[in-house]
Structure formats: C-alpha cells, structure tokens
Amino acid sequence: MDRDRVGGSWKQLKGKTKEQWGKLTDDDLDQVAGKREQLEDKIQERYGLEKDRSD
C-alpha cells in the first residue's frame, strides 16, 4: 500500500471519527495520526472511559 493511499484513508477515517466522537479535536486526531492504540487512548481520555483489562 503506498503512502498516498494510506494518507487518503486516514483523512476519511479522521472525518468519520470526528462525526462519531465529537469531543475529539483536530489536534487530538493529528497527534494520533492513524495509530489505533493512541486513538483509543484519546477517546478514553476525552470521554472518561476506562480501558478494558482482559490481561
């Protein structure tokens, strides 16, 4: 997968993420830049959710 394609996919995902999780800012999403775990952490932080501990 080339870099332009990934970048385009992130832009689409970023828009959909903002629709679903309106408390996330553009800065939040720019910081995570498509990294799933960091995105999960930001969502949990903004919404006061606790991480599932299935360890």
C-alpha atoms as a PDB file:
ATOM      1  CA  MET A   1       0.000   0.000   0.000  1.00  0.00           C
ATOM      2  CA  ASP A   2       1.517   3.305  -0.984  1.00  0.00           C
ATOM      3  CA  ARG A   3       1.797   6.321   1.261  1.00  0.00           C
ATOM      4  CA  ASP A   4      -0.750   8.471  -0.650  1.00  0.00           C
ATOM      5  CA  ARG A   5      -3.371   5.771  -0.339  1.00  0.00           C
ATOM      6  CA  VAL A   6      -2.798   5.415   3.383  1.00  0.00           C
ATOM      7  CA  GLY A   7      -2.916   9.199   3.805  1.00  0.00           C
ATOM      8  CA  GLY A   8      -6.232   9.368   1.958  1.00  0.00           C
ATOM      9  CA  SER A   9      -7.641   6.579   4.087  1.00  0.00           C
ATOM     10  CA  TRP A  10      -6.630   8.397   7.272  1.00  0.00           C
ATOM     11  CA  LYS A  11      -8.331  11.593   6.087  1.00  0.00           C
ATOM     12  CA  GLN A  12     -11.570   9.667   5.533  1.00  0.00           C
ATOM     13  CA  LEU A  13     -11.273   7.889   8.863  1.00  0.00           C
ATOM     14  CA  LYS A  14     -10.469  11.177  10.602  1.00  0.00           C
ATOM     15  CA  GLY A  15     -13.707  12.711   9.323  1.00  0.00           C
ATOM     16  CA  LYS A  16     -15.784   9.709  10.353  1.00  0.00           C
ATOM     17  CA  THR A  17     -14.080   9.623  13.745  1.00  0.00           C
ATOM     18  CA  LYS A  18     -14.988  13.273  14.372  1.00  0.00           C
ATOM     19  CA  GLU A  19     -18.613  12.500  13.473  1.00  0.00           C
ATOM     20  CA  GLN A  20     -18.743   9.618  15.947  1.00  0.00           C
ATOM     21  CA  TRP A  21     -16.539  11.096  18.693  1.00  0.00           C
ATOM     22  CA  GLY A  22     -17.305  14.828  18.579  1.00  0.00           C
ATOM     23  CA  LYS A  23     -15.252  15.657  21.672  1.00  0.00           C
ATOM     24  CA  LEU A  24     -12.036  14.834  19.803  1.00  0.00           C
ATOM     25  CA  THR A  25     -10.328  17.876  18.330  1.00  0.00           C
ATOM     26  CA  ASP A  26      -8.381  18.153  15.091  1.00  0.00           C
ATOM     27  CA  ASP A  27      -5.257  18.430  17.253  1.00  0.00           C
ATOM     28  CA  ASP A  28      -6.127  15.163  19.001  1.00  0.00           C
ATOM     29  CA  LEU A  29      -6.528  13.394  15.689  1.00  0.00           C
ATOM     30  CA  ASP A  30      -3.372  14.948  14.243  1.00  0.00           C
ATOM     31  CA  GLN A  31      -1.428  13.688  17.255  1.00  0.00           C
ATOM     32  CA  VAL A  32      -2.546  10.088  16.800  1.00  0.00           C
ATOM     33  CA  ALA A  33      -2.123  10.250  13.003  1.00  0.00           C
ATOM     34  CA  GLY A  34      -3.781   6.909  12.327  1.00  0.00           C
ATOM     35  CA  LYS A  35      -2.258   4.941  15.189  1.00  0.00           C
ATOM     36  CA  ARG A  36      -5.080   2.814  16.549  1.00  0.00           C
ATOM     37  CA  GLU A  37      -3.913   2.434  20.142  1.00  0.00           C
ATOM     38  CA  GLN A  38      -3.253   6.147  20.501  1.00  0.00           C
ATOM     39  CA  LEU A  39      -6.684   6.894  19.058  1.00  0.00           C
ATOM     40  CA  GLU A  40      -8.278   4.550  21.597  1.00  0.00           C
ATOM     41  CA  ASP A  41      -6.369   6.298  24.384  1.00  0.00           C
ATOM     42  CA  LYS A  42      -7.559   9.749  23.208  1.00  0.00           C
ATOM     43  CA  ILE A  43     -11.184   8.580  23.041  1.00  0.00           C
ATOM     44  CA  GLN A  44     -10.924   7.141  26.540  1.00  0.00           C
ATOM     45  CA  GLU A  45      -9.331  10.343  27.812  1.00  0.00           C
ATOM     46  CA  ARG A  46     -11.926  12.678  26.272  1.00  0.00           C
ATOM     47  CA  TYR A  47     -14.918  10.583  27.293  1.00  0.00           C
ATOM     48  CA  GLY A  48     -13.683   9.459  30.710  1.00  0.00           C
ATOM     49  CA  LEU A  49     -13.782   5.789  29.768  1.00  0.00           C
ATOM     50  CA  GLU A  50     -11.671   3.122  31.411  1.00  0.00           C
ATOM     51  CA  LYS A  51      -9.620   0.680  29.420  1.00  0.00           C
ATOM     52  CA  ASP A  52     -10.904  -2.904  29.329  1.00  0.00           C
ATOM     53  CA  ARG A  53      -8.475  -5.069  31.228  1.00  0.00           C
ATOM     54  CA  SER A  54      -8.580  -8.542  29.733  1.00  0.00           C
ATOM     55  CA  ASP A  55      -4.995  -9.420  30.695  1.00  0.00           C
END
